[in-house]
Amino acid sequence: MAQATAPMRSVLVSYPEGTDDSVVEQAKKDIEDAGGKITHTYSIFKGFAAEAPAQVLEVSIATEGVTIEDDQTFTTQGDGN
């Protein structure tokens, strides 16, 4: 019998300044261990982009001060008004 695949979310995960690097690294490991992948690690702020199972985001890395946002494309083109 085939096992169902967990729904994946593309997200940006950011941590407050001063968060220990080991916390961020453990979150990345938890995502990879759950079948997700880290798509980018940021240097301008403490965080990363990932494709991750929704459950690991809700349980494993959702700690105090962490921001988890859906990864989206934004445009700056207006209608000229």
C-alpha atoms as a PDB file:
ATOM      1  CA  MET A   1       0.000   0.000   0.000  1.00  0.00           C
ATOM      2  CA  ALA A   2       1.412   3.417  -0.957  1.00  0.00           C
ATOM      3  CA  GLN A   3       1.910   6.007   1.750  1.00  0.00           C
ATOM      4  CA  ALA A   4       0.265   9.403   1.250  1.00  0.00           C
ATOM      5  CA  THR A   5       2.608  12.317   0.653  1.00  0.00           C
ATOM      6  CA  ALA A   6       2.369  15.171   3.139  1.00  0.00           C
ATOM      7  CA  PRO A   7       1.204  18.484   1.644  1.00  0.00           C
ATOM      8  CA  MET A   8       4.172  20.804   1.065  1.00  0.00           C
ATOM      9  CA  ARG A   9       4.300  24.573   1.562  1.00  0.00           C
ATOM     10  CA  SER A  10       6.824  27.020   0.111  1.00  0.00           C
ATOM     11  CA  VAL A  11       7.711  29.294   3.005  1.00  0.00           C
ATOM     12  CA  LEU A  12      10.078  31.932   4.307  1.00  0.00           C
ATOM     13  CA  VAL A  13      11.172  31.340   7.889  1.00  0.00           C
ATOM     14  CA  SER A  14      12.777  34.162   9.860  1.00  0.00           C
ATOM     15  CA  TYR A  15      14.112  34.386  13.399  1.00  0.00           C
ATOM     16  CA  PRO A  16      14.579  37.330  15.742  1.00  0.00           C
ATOM     17  CA  GLU A  17      18.018  38.885  15.966  1.00  0.00           C
ATOM     18  CA  GLY A  18      20.010  37.117  18.654  1.00  0.00           C
ATOM     19  CA  THR A  19      18.547  33.668  18.017  1.00  0.00           C
ATOM     20  CA  ASP A  20      21.273  31.057  18.437  1.00  0.00           C
ATOM     21  CA  ASP A  21      22.471  29.586  15.131  1.00  0.00           C
ATOM     22  CA  SER A  22      21.917  26.082  16.524  1.00  0.00           C
ATOM     23  CA  VAL A  23      18.160  26.778  16.697  1.00  0.00           C
ATOM     24  CA  VAL A  24      18.064  27.712  13.007  1.00  0.00           C
ATOM     25  CA  GLU A  25      20.219  24.738  11.999  1.00  0.00           C
ATOM     26  CA  GLN A  26      17.997  22.341  13.967  1.00  0.00           C
ATOM     27  CA  ALA A  27      14.885  23.723  12.242  1.00  0.00           C
ATOM     28  CA  LYS A  28      16.521  23.206   8.836  1.00  0.00           C
ATOM     29  CA  LYS A  29      17.457  19.647   9.810  1.00  0.00           C
ATOM     30  CA  ASP A  30      13.889  18.951  11.005  1.00  0.00           C
ATOM     31  CA  ILE A  31      12.535  20.107   7.635  1.00  0.00           C
ATOM     32  CA  GLU A  32      14.975  17.949   5.674  1.00  0.00           C
ATOM     33  CA  ASP A  33      14.334  14.935   7.937  1.00  0.00           C
ATOM     34  CA  ALA A  34      10.602  15.310   7.216  1.00  0.00           C
ATOM     35  CA  GLY A  35      11.189  15.198   3.446  1.00  0.00           C
ATOM     36  CA  GLY A  36      11.367  18.940   2.802  1.00  0.00           C
ATOM     37  CA  LYS A  37      14.218  20.949   1.342  1.00  0.00           C
ATOM     38  CA  ILE A  38      15.942  24.225   2.107  1.00  0.00           C
ATOM     39  CA  THR A  39      15.886  26.339  -1.046  1.00  0.00           C
ATOM     40  CA  HIS A  40      17.839  29.359   0.216  1.00  0.00           C
ATOM     41  CA  THR A  41      19.624  30.520   3.353  1.00  0.00           C
ATOM     42  CA  TYR A  42      19.606  34.277   3.887  1.00  0.00           C
ATOM     43  CA  SER A  43      22.545  36.314   5.124  1.00  0.00           C
ATOM     44  CA  ILE A  44      20.793  39.700   5.330  1.00  0.00           C
ATOM     45  CA  PHE A  45      18.578  38.344   8.132  1.00  0.00           C
ATOM     46  CA  LYS A  46      18.507  35.127  10.152  1.00  0.00           C
ATOM     47  CA  GLY A  47      16.308  32.826   8.147  1.00  0.00           C
ATOM     48  CA  PHE A  48      15.776  30.598   5.158  1.00  0.00           C
ATOM     49  CA  ALA A  49      13.341  29.622   2.407  1.00  0.00           C
ATOM     50  CA  ALA A  50      12.068  26.070   2.257  1.00  0.00           C
ATOM     51  CA  GLU A  51       9.612  23.651   0.766  1.00  0.00           C
ATOM     52  CA  ALA A  52       8.350  21.789   3.791  1.00  0.00           C
ATOM     53  CA  PRO A  53       5.540  19.539   4.949  1.00  0.00           C
ATOM     54  CA  ALA A  54       2.900  21.679   6.646  1.00  0.00           C
ATOM     55  CA  GLN A  55       2.952  19.556   9.799  1.00  0.00           C
ATOM     56  CA  VAL A  56       6.671  20.074  10.489  1.00  0.00           C
ATOM     57  CA  LEU A  57       6.152  23.832  10.176  1.00  0.00           C
ATOM     58  CA  GLU A  58       3.310  23.787  12.676  1.00  0.00           C
ATOM     59  CA  VAL A  59       4.970  21.485  15.209  1.00  0.00           C
ATOM     60  CA  SER A  60       8.749  21.365  14.950  1.00  0.00           C
ATOM     61  CA  ILE A  61       9.884  24.875  14.095  1.00  0.00           C
ATOM     62  CA  ALA A  62       6.998  27.030  15.285  1.00  0.00           C
ATOM     63  CA  THR A  63       8.767  28.426  18.346  1.00  0.00           C
ATOM     64  CA  GLU A  64       8.462  31.780  20.056  1.00  0.00           C
ATOM     65  CA  GLY A  65       9.506  34.679  17.842  1.00  0.00           C
ATOM     66  CA  VAL A  66       9.703  32.671  14.611  1.00  0.00           C
ATOM     67  CA  THR A  67       7.863  34.084  11.600  1.00  0.00           C
ATOM     68  CA  ILE A  68       6.673  31.622   8.953  1.00  0.00           C
ATOM     69  CA  GLU A  69       5.227  33.195   5.811  1.00  0.00           C
ATOM     70  CA  ASP A  70       4.081  31.672   2.547  1.00  0.00           C
ATOM     71  CA  ASP A  71       6.642  32.385  -0.164  1.00  0.00           C
ATOM     72  CA  GLN A  72       5.004  34.649  -2.745  1.00  0.00           C
ATOM     73  CA  THR A  73       5.937  36.673  -5.785  1.00  0.00           C
ATOM     74  CA  PHE A  74       5.357  40.410  -5.508  1.00  0.00           C
ATOM     75  CA  THR A  75       5.507  42.937  -8.339  1.00  0.00           C
ATOM     76  CA  THR A  76       6.102  46.669  -8.242  1.00  0.00           C
ATOM     77  CA  GLN A  77       4.416  47.564 -11.507  1.00  0.00           C
ATOM     78  CA  GLY A  78       1.433  49.818 -11.076  1.00  0.00           C
ATOM     79  CA  ASP A  79      -1.182  51.118 -13.457  1.00  0.00           C
ATOM     80  CA  GLY A  80       0.429  54.553 -13.701  1.00  0.00           C
ATOM     81  CA  ASN A  81      -1.974  56.406 -11.390  1.00  0.00           C
END
